[in-house]
């Protein structure tokens, strides 16, 4: 779902104004449909991803 007002808004570089944020519910809808159900391709555990070793220290 794309917010047409935001899509048609001038870019910040041109207008000098910050781009308006999408409403929270619209952002959550996009996350639910596009991101949350993607397959997890990285089979490492949470500690491995964060960089902790077998002794609980950060490497």
N, C-alpha and C. Protein backbone atom coordinates (compact mmCIF):
# COMPACT_ATOMS: atom_id res chain seq x y z
N UNK A 1 0.85 -1.16 0.00
CA UNK A 1 0.00 0.00 0.00
C UNK A 1 0.90 1.24 0.00
N UNK A 2 0.68 2.12 -0.93
CA UNK A 2 1.50 3.32 -1.04
C UNK A 2 0.63 4.54 -0.76
N UNK A 3 1.14 5.42 0.07
CA UNK A 3 0.46 6.68 0.34
C UNK A 3 0.77 7.62 -0.81
N UNK A 4 -0.24 7.96 -1.61
CA UNK A 4 -0.01 8.78 -2.79
C UNK A 4 0.43 10.19 -2.45
N UNK A 5 0.00 10.71 -1.31
CA UNK A 5 0.44 12.05 -0.92
C UNK A 5 1.94 12.06 -0.69
N UNK A 6 2.45 11.02 -0.04
CA UNK A 6 3.88 10.96 0.23
C UNK A 6 4.64 10.67 -1.06
N UNK A 7 4.10 9.77 -1.88
CA UNK A 7 4.77 9.42 -3.13
C UNK A 7 4.89 10.63 -4.07
N UNK A 8 3.90 11.52 -4.05
CA UNK A 8 3.91 12.69 -4.93
C UNK A 8 4.56 13.91 -4.29
N UNK A 9 4.93 13.80 -3.03
CA UNK A 9 5.53 14.94 -2.33
C UNK A 9 6.90 15.26 -2.93
N UNK A 10 7.25 16.54 -2.99
CA UNK A 10 8.58 16.89 -3.51
C UNK A 10 9.66 16.32 -2.61
N UNK A 11 10.78 16.00 -3.20
CA UNK A 11 11.87 15.44 -2.42
C UNK A 11 12.45 16.52 -1.51
N UNK A 12 12.97 16.13 -0.34
CA UNK A 12 13.50 17.13 0.60
C UNK A 12 14.63 17.97 0.00
N UNK A 13 15.42 17.37 -0.90
CA UNK A 13 16.53 18.12 -1.49
C UNK A 13 16.01 19.30 -2.32
N UNK A 14 14.85 19.11 -2.94
CA UNK A 14 14.29 20.16 -3.79
C UNK A 14 13.54 21.19 -2.98
N UNK A 15 12.71 20.75 -2.03
CA UNK A 15 11.86 21.68 -1.30
C UNK A 15 12.51 22.23 -0.03
N UNK A 16 13.52 21.54 0.48
CA UNK A 16 14.15 21.98 1.70
C UNK A 16 13.38 21.58 2.95
N UNK A 17 12.27 20.88 2.79
CA UNK A 17 11.46 20.45 3.92
C UNK A 17 11.60 18.95 4.10
N UNK A 18 11.49 18.47 5.36
CA UNK A 18 11.56 17.02 5.57
C UNK A 18 10.35 16.33 4.96
N UNK A 19 10.57 15.11 4.48
CA UNK A 19 9.49 14.32 3.89
C UNK A 19 8.51 13.91 4.99
N UNK A 20 7.20 14.04 4.77
CA UNK A 20 6.24 13.66 5.80
C UNK A 20 6.28 12.15 6.04
N UNK A 21 6.07 11.75 7.29
CA UNK A 21 6.07 10.34 7.63
C UNK A 21 4.72 9.72 7.32
N UNK A 22 4.76 8.45 6.93
CA UNK A 22 3.51 7.72 6.69
C UNK A 22 2.83 7.46 8.03
N UNK A 23 1.51 7.38 8.03
CA UNK A 23 0.81 7.06 9.28
C UNK A 23 1.27 5.70 9.82
N UNK A 24 1.29 5.56 11.13
CA UNK A 24 1.79 4.34 11.77
C UNK A 24 1.06 3.10 11.26
N UNK A 25 -0.25 3.14 11.18
CA UNK A 25 -1.00 1.96 10.76
C UNK A 25 -0.65 1.55 9.33
N UNK A 26 -0.41 2.52 8.47
CA UNK A 26 -0.01 2.21 7.10
C UNK A 26 1.37 1.55 7.07
N UNK A 27 2.28 2.03 7.91
CA UNK A 27 3.61 1.45 7.99
C UNK A 27 3.53 0.02 8.51
N UNK A 28 2.72 -0.21 9.54
CA UNK A 28 2.56 -1.56 10.09
C UNK A 28 1.92 -2.50 9.06
N UNK A 29 0.95 -2.01 8.30
CA UNK A 29 0.34 -2.83 7.26
C UNK A 29 1.39 -3.25 6.23
N UNK A 30 2.25 -2.32 5.85
CA UNK A 30 3.31 -2.63 4.88
C UNK A 30 4.26 -3.67 5.46
N UNK A 31 4.67 -3.49 6.72
CA UNK A 31 5.56 -4.46 7.35
C UNK A 31 4.92 -5.85 7.39
N UNK A 32 3.65 -5.90 7.76
CA UNK A 32 2.96 -7.20 7.83
C UNK A 32 2.91 -7.88 6.47
N UNK A 33 2.68 -7.14 5.43
CA UNK A 33 2.51 -7.76 4.12
C UNK A 33 3.83 -8.02 3.40
N UNK A 34 4.87 -7.24 3.67
CA UNK A 34 6.09 -7.34 2.89
C UNK A 34 7.29 -7.92 3.64
N UNK A 35 7.32 -7.82 4.95
CA UNK A 35 8.55 -8.14 5.67
C UNK A 35 8.39 -9.29 6.66
N UNK A 36 7.40 -9.23 7.51
CA UNK A 36 7.32 -10.15 8.64
C UNK A 36 7.22 -11.61 8.25
N UNK A 37 6.71 -11.92 7.06
CA UNK A 37 6.54 -13.32 6.67
C UNK A 37 7.61 -13.80 5.72
N UNK A 38 8.66 -13.04 5.54
CA UNK A 38 9.78 -13.50 4.72
C UNK A 38 10.47 -14.66 5.43
N UNK A 39 11.01 -15.60 4.66
CA UNK A 39 11.70 -16.72 5.32
C UNK A 39 12.99 -16.26 5.97
N UNK A 40 13.35 -16.92 7.05
CA UNK A 40 14.60 -16.63 7.73
C UNK A 40 15.68 -17.45 7.04
N UNK A 41 16.63 -16.79 6.40
CA UNK A 41 17.67 -17.48 5.65
C UNK A 41 18.93 -17.67 6.45
N UNK A 42 19.08 -16.95 7.53
CA UNK A 42 20.26 -17.05 8.37
C UNK A 42 19.97 -18.05 9.48
N UNK A 43 20.65 -19.19 9.48
CA UNK A 43 20.38 -20.25 10.43
C UNK A 43 21.16 -20.12 11.74
N UNK A 44 21.95 -19.04 11.88
CA UNK A 44 22.71 -18.85 13.12
C UNK A 44 21.76 -18.50 14.26
N UNK A 45 22.20 -18.81 15.47
CA UNK A 45 21.42 -18.45 16.66
C UNK A 45 21.55 -16.96 16.95
N UNK A 46 20.72 -16.48 17.85
CA UNK A 46 20.74 -15.04 18.20
C UNK A 46 22.09 -14.60 18.73
N UNK A 47 22.71 -15.44 19.58
CA UNK A 47 24.01 -15.08 20.14
C UNK A 47 25.08 -14.99 19.06
N UNK A 48 25.03 -15.89 18.07
CA UNK A 48 26.01 -15.84 16.99
C UNK A 48 25.84 -14.59 16.14
N UNK A 49 24.62 -14.23 15.89
CA UNK A 49 24.36 -13.03 15.08
C UNK A 49 24.86 -11.79 15.82
N UNK A 50 24.65 -11.73 17.13
CA UNK A 50 25.09 -10.59 17.91
C UNK A 50 26.59 -10.59 18.15
N UNK A 51 27.25 -11.74 17.97
CA UNK A 51 28.69 -11.79 18.11
C UNK A 51 29.20 -12.31 19.44
N UNK A 52 28.36 -12.96 20.25
CA UNK A 52 28.81 -13.49 21.52
C UNK A 52 29.48 -14.85 21.30
N UNK A 53 30.56 -15.11 22.03
CA UNK A 53 31.25 -16.40 21.91
C UNK A 53 30.71 -17.39 22.94
N UNK A 54 31.34 -18.58 23.03
CA UNK A 54 30.88 -19.63 23.93
C UNK A 54 30.99 -19.24 25.40
N UNK A 55 31.80 -18.22 25.72
CA UNK A 55 31.98 -17.77 27.11
C UNK A 55 31.07 -16.59 27.46
N UNK A 56 30.20 -16.21 26.53
CA UNK A 56 29.28 -15.11 26.78
C UNK A 56 29.89 -13.73 26.59
N UNK A 57 31.09 -13.70 25.98
CA UNK A 57 31.75 -12.42 25.74
C UNK A 57 31.53 -11.98 24.30
N UNK A 58 31.48 -10.71 24.11
CA UNK A 58 31.31 -10.17 22.76
C UNK A 58 32.62 -10.18 22.02
N UNK A 59 32.66 -10.77 20.83
CA UNK A 59 33.87 -10.80 20.01
C UNK A 59 33.88 -9.67 19.00
